[in-house]
Amino acid sequence: MIVNVEKEYCDALNAMAKPGGASSDKIEAVEKELGVVFPAPYRQFLAQYGAGMGTGFELAGIFEDTNNDEPPMWRSVLLATKQLRRVWRGALPNHLIPVAGDGQSMTFYIDTRSEAARIVAYGPGVDGQMVATSFKEFVVKVSKGEL
């Protein structure tokens, strides 16, 4: 089963549009600004891919915004986290970092206290429900349209 998740994870990432990896310095600066340490699987994703956009989903990340005349193609994990922290007015625990949404009212968060980067969902009727035990499992599920 682990081999299948790993292969499916790699296949899902390979099929996505990606801006390119973020430097360790940039990742550390974002972590510092947000007051968290990203779990290893998400850090690896950021370092290798930066962010991602698949069919029907996107993964927030860290990237260089080189065209200031147009909105960025990628979702910034830093800006998304700051925005949602303002909206939630302190009710959202700081260890939760938004990495994806369903395009409507559901947001998926990495629990930065989890080594595997467990993913929880918040939305109507779903407050903190775990939807994946790891970031890799989440990427596989969302790429298959299972979330």
C-alpha atoms as a PDB file:
ATOM      1  CA  MET A   1       0.000   0.000   0.000  1.00  0.00           C
ATOM      2  CA  ILE A   2       2.780   2.501   0.836  1.00  0.00           C
ATOM      3  CA  VAL A   3       4.432   1.840  -2.529  1.00  0.00           C
ATOM      4  CA  ASN A   4       1.109   2.575  -4.279  1.00  0.00           C
ATOM      5  CA  VAL A   5       0.600   5.845  -2.362  1.00  0.00           C
ATOM      6  CA  GLU A   6       4.177   6.892  -3.163  1.00  0.00           C
ATOM      7  CA  LYS A   7       3.761   6.092  -6.862  1.00  0.00           C
ATOM      8  CA  GLU A   8       0.341   7.748  -7.035  1.00  0.00           C
ATOM      9  CA  TYR A   9       1.755  10.783  -5.211  1.00  0.00           C
ATOM     10  CA  CYS A  10       4.606  11.100  -7.722  1.00  0.00           C
ATOM     11  CA  ASP A  11       2.213  10.590 -10.646  1.00  0.00           C
ATOM     12  CA  ALA A  12      -0.135  13.294  -9.303  1.00  0.00           C
ATOM     13  CA  LEU A  13       2.724  15.768  -8.848  1.00  0.00           C
ATOM     14  CA  ASN A  14       4.167  15.023 -12.275  1.00  0.00           C
ATOM     15  CA  ALA A  15       0.782  15.767 -13.869  1.00  0.00           C
ATOM     16  CA  MET A  16       0.516  19.181 -12.177  1.00  0.00           C
ATOM     17  CA  ALA A  17       1.692  22.565 -13.415  1.00  0.00           C
ATOM     18  CA  LYS A  18       4.393  23.810 -11.037  1.00  0.00           C
ATOM     19  CA  PRO A  19       6.361  27.061 -10.745  1.00  0.00           C
ATOM     20  CA  GLY A  20       9.588  25.464  -9.512  1.00  0.00           C
ATOM     21  CA  GLY A  21      11.040  24.858  -6.087  1.00  0.00           C
ATOM     22  CA  ALA A  22      11.495  27.376  -3.313  1.00  0.00           C
ATOM     23  CA  SER A  23      14.863  27.910  -1.639  1.00  0.00           C
ATOM     24  CA  SER A  24      15.482  26.779   1.936  1.00  0.00           C
ATOM     25  CA  ASP A  25      15.932  30.424   2.918  1.00  0.00           C
ATOM     26  CA  LYS A  26      12.542  31.367   1.460  1.00  0.00           C
ATOM     27  CA  ILE A  27      10.820  28.393   3.151  1.00  0.00           C
ATOM     28  CA  GLU A  28      12.402  29.296   6.491  1.00  0.00           C
ATOM     29  CA  ALA A  29      11.377  32.955   6.102  1.00  0.00           C
ATOM     30  CA  VAL A  30       7.738  31.962   5.488  1.00  0.00           C
ATOM     31  CA  GLU A  31       7.819  29.555   8.433  1.00  0.00           C
ATOM     32  CA  LYS A  32       9.196  32.318  10.651  1.00  0.00           C
ATOM     33  CA  GLU A  33       6.572  34.799   9.505  1.00  0.00           C
ATOM     34  CA  LEU A  34       3.779  32.285  10.160  1.00  0.00           C
ATOM     35  CA  GLY A  35       5.277  31.039  13.431  1.00  0.00           C
ATOM     36  CA  VAL A  36       5.348  27.369  12.382  1.00  0.00           C
ATOM     37  CA  VAL A  37       7.718  24.706  11.103  1.00  0.00           C
ATOM     38  CA  PHE A  38       6.362  22.876   8.081  1.00  0.00           C
ATOM     39  CA  PRO A  39       6.345  19.070   8.326  1.00  0.00           C
ATOM     40  CA  ALA A  40       9.025  17.351   6.199  1.00  0.00           C
ATOM     41  CA  PRO A  41       6.684  16.113   3.415  1.00  0.00           C
ATOM     42  CA  TYR A  42       5.344  19.624   2.778  1.00  0.00           C
ATOM     43  CA  ARG A  43       8.845  21.159   3.006  1.00  0.00           C
ATOM     44  CA  GLN A  44      10.025  18.651   0.384  1.00  0.00           C
ATOM     45  CA  PHE A  45       7.081  19.575  -1.853  1.00  0.00           C
ATOM     46  CA  LEU A  46       7.912  23.277  -1.484  1.00  0.00           C
ATOM     47  CA  ALA A  47      11.603  22.733  -2.157  1.00  0.00           C
ATOM     48  CA  GLN A  48      11.032  20.611  -5.244  1.00  0.00           C
ATOM     49  CA  TYR A  49       7.870  22.100  -6.775  1.00  0.00           C
ATOM     50  CA  GLY A  50       7.037  25.365  -4.969  1.00  0.00           C
ATOM     51  CA  ALA A  51       3.272  25.106  -5.509  1.00  0.00           C
ATOM     52  CA  GLY A  52       1.019  23.224  -7.873  1.00  0.00           C
ATOM     53  CA  MET A  53      -2.087  23.287  -9.981  1.00  0.00           C
ATOM     54  CA  GLY A  54      -3.793  20.109 -11.090  1.00  0.00           C
ATOM     55  CA  THR A  55      -7.063  19.382 -12.800  1.00  0.00           C
ATOM     56  CA  GLY A  56      -9.704  20.732 -10.430  1.00  0.00           C
ATOM     57  CA  PHE A  57      -7.363  21.520  -7.529  1.00  0.00           C
ATOM     58  CA  GLU A  58      -4.361  23.553  -6.500  1.00  0.00           C
ATOM     59  CA  LEU A  59      -1.768  23.273  -3.747  1.00  0.00           C
ATOM     60  CA  ALA A  60      -0.713  26.509  -2.078  1.00  0.00           C
ATOM     61  CA  GLY A  61       2.984  27.057  -1.775  1.00  0.00           C
ATOM     62  CA  ILE A  62       5.960  29.366  -2.098  1.00  0.00           C
ATOM     63  CA  PHE A  63       7.080  30.752  -5.461  1.00  0.00           C
ATOM     64  CA  GLU A  64       8.665  33.734  -7.120  1.00  0.00           C
ATOM     65  CA  ASP A  65       6.081  36.187  -8.454  1.00  0.00           C
ATOM     66  CA  THR A  66       7.839  37.511 -11.547  1.00  0.00           C
ATOM     67  CA  ASN A  67       4.895  39.216 -13.273  1.00  0.00           C
ATOM     68  CA  ASN A  68       3.489  41.944 -11.055  1.00  0.00           C
ATOM     69  CA  ASP A  69       1.086  43.135 -13.766  1.00  0.00           C
ATOM     70  CA  GLU A  70      -1.169  40.081 -13.445  1.00  0.00           C
ATOM     71  CA  PRO A  71      -2.513  38.017 -10.553  1.00  0.00           C
ATOM     72  CA  PRO A  72      -0.206  35.107  -9.729  1.00  0.00           C
ATOM     73  CA  MET A  73      -1.051  31.731 -11.219  1.00  0.00           C
ATOM     74  CA  TRP A  74      -0.189  30.035  -7.935  1.00  0.00           C
ATOM     75  CA  ARG A  75      -1.743  30.324  -4.489  1.00  0.00           C
ATOM     76  CA  SER A  76       0.642  31.641  -1.834  1.00  0.00           C
ATOM     77  CA  VAL A  77       0.584  29.685   1.426  1.00  0.00           C
ATOM     78  CA  LEU A  78       1.809  32.824   3.217  1.00  0.00           C
ATOM     79  CA  LEU A  79      -0.934  35.111   1.893  1.00  0.00           C
ATOM     80  CA  ALA A  80      -3.657  32.456   2.259  1.00  0.00           C
ATOM     81  CA  THR A  81      -2.685  31.801   5.873  1.00  0.00           C
ATOM     82  CA  LYS A  82      -2.582  35.488   6.768  1.00  0.00           C
ATOM     83  CA  GLN A  83      -5.939  36.083   5.105  1.00  0.00           C
ATOM     84  CA  LEU A  84      -7.657  33.162   6.828  1.00  0.00           C
ATOM     85  CA  ARG A  85      -6.174  34.080  10.205  1.00  0.00           C
ATOM     86  CA  ARG A  86      -7.714  37.557   9.800  1.00  0.00           C
ATOM     87  CA  VAL A  87     -11.080  36.105   8.751  1.00  0.00           C
ATOM     88  CA  TRP A  88     -11.120  33.634  11.653  1.00  0.00           C
ATOM     89  CA  ARG A  89     -10.046  36.398  14.105  1.00  0.00           C
ATOM     90  CA  GLY A  90      -7.938  34.117  16.281  1.00  0.00           C
ATOM     91  CA  ALA A  91     -10.359  31.169  16.251  1.00  0.00           C
ATOM     92  CA  LEU A  92      -8.202  29.189  13.802  1.00  0.00           C
ATOM     93  CA  PRO A  93      -5.318  27.469  15.603  1.00  0.00           C
ATOM     94  CA  ASN A  94      -1.965  28.826  14.411  1.00  0.00           C
ATOM     95  CA  HIS A  95      -0.611  25.316  13.777  1.00  0.00           C
ATOM     96  CA  LEU A  96      -3.075  24.890  10.883  1.00  0.00           C
ATOM     97  CA  ILE A  97      -1.876  26.114   7.483  1.00  0.00           C
ATOM     98  CA  PRO A  98      -4.264  26.221   4.475  1.00  0.00           C
ATOM     99  CA  VAL A  99      -2.944  24.317   1.482  1.00  0.00           C
ATOM    100  CA  ALA A 100      -6.019  23.747  -0.670  1.00  0.00           C
ATOM    101  CA  GLY A 101      -9.722  24.383  -1.027  1.00  0.00           C
ATOM    102  CA  ASP A 102     -12.601  22.764  -2.839  1.00  0.00           C
ATOM    103  CA  GLY A 103     -13.406  25.972  -4.738  1.00  0.00           C
ATOM    104  CA  GLN A 104     -16.506  26.560  -2.659  1.00  0.00           C
ATOM    105  CA  SER A 105     -16.564  26.616   1.128  1.00  0.00           C
ATOM    106  CA  MET A 106     -14.203  23.836   2.259  1.00  0.00           C
ATOM    107  CA  THR A 107     -10.576  24.560   3.128  1.00  0.00           C
ATOM    108  CA  PHE A 108      -7.937  21.903   3.762  1.00  0.00           C
ATOM    109  CA  TYR A 109      -5.199  22.593   6.299  1.00  0.00           C
ATOM    110  CA  ILE A 110      -1.881  20.953   7.139  1.00  0.00           C
ATOM    111  CA  ASP A 111      -1.544  20.308  10.838  1.00  0.00           C
ATOM    112  CA  THR A 112       2.047  21.444  11.370  1.00  0.00           C
ATOM    113  CA  ARG A 113       2.219  19.476  14.637  1.00  0.00           C
ATOM    114  CA  SER A 114       2.008  16.251  12.605  1.00  0.00           C
ATOM    115  CA  GLU A 115       5.262  14.799  11.214  1.00  0.00           C
ATOM    116  CA  ALA A 116       3.418  13.276   8.241  1.00  0.00           C
ATOM    117  CA  ALA A 117       1.517  16.552   7.647  1.00  0.00           C
ATOM    118  CA  ARG A 118      -1.965  15.302   8.525  1.00  0.00           C
ATOM    119  CA  ILE A 119      -4.702  17.213   6.664  1.00  0.00           C
ATOM    120  CA  VAL A 120      -7.879  18.482   8.329  1.00  0.00           C
ATOM    121  CA  ALA A 121     -10.877  20.175   6.735  1.00  0.00           C
ATOM    122  CA  TYR A 122     -12.954  23.147   7.841  1.00  0.00           C
ATOM    123  CA  GLY A 123     -16.207  24.120   6.197  1.00  0.00           C
ATOM    124  CA  PRO A 124     -19.957  23.870   6.670  1.00  0.00           C
ATOM    125  CA  GLY A 125     -20.582  21.033   9.122  1.00  0.00           C
ATOM    126  CA  VAL A 126     -16.932  19.955   9.064  1.00  0.00           C
ATOM    127  CA  ASP A 127     -14.756  21.583  11.695  1.00  0.00           C
ATOM    128  CA  GLY A 128     -11.361  19.991  11.992  1.00  0.00           C
ATOM    129  CA  GLN A 129     -12.237  16.607  10.488  1.00  0.00           C
ATOM    130  CA  MET A 130      -9.145  14.657   9.419  1.00  0.00           C
ATOM    131  CA  VAL A 131      -9.385  13.853   5.698  1.00  0.00           C
ATOM    132  CA  ALA A 132      -5.890  12.415   5.157  1.00  0.00           C
ATOM    133  CA  THR A 133      -3.252  11.020   7.494  1.00  0.00           C
ATOM    134  CA  SER A 134      -0.461  12.587   5.440  1.00  0.00           C
ATOM    135  CA  PHE A 135       0.234  15.256   2.836  1.00  0.00           C
ATOM    136  CA  LYS A 136       1.045  12.543   0.304  1.00  0.00           C
ATOM    137  CA  GLU A 137      -2.261  10.750   0.916  1.00  0.00           C
ATOM    138  CA  PHE A 138      -4.051  14.092   0.575  1.00  0.00           C
ATOM    139  CA  VAL A 139      -2.420  14.858  -2.781  1.00  0.00           C
ATOM    140  CA  VAL A 140      -3.424  11.411  -4.073  1.00  0.00           C
ATOM    141  CA  LYS A 141      -7.027  11.795  -2.856  1.00  0.00           C
ATOM    142  CA  VAL A 142      -7.503  15.322  -4.173  1.00  0.00           C
ATOM    143  CA  SER A 143      -5.941  14.428  -7.543  1.00  0.00           C
ATOM    144  CA  LYS A 144      -8.450  11.587  -7.870  1.00  0.00           C
ATOM    145  CA  GLY A 145     -11.361  13.868  -6.951  1.00  0.00           C
ATOM    146  CA  GLU A 146     -12.016  11.958  -3.733  1.00  0.00           C
ATOM    147  CA  LEU A 147     -12.242  15.101  -1.596  1.00  0.00           C
END
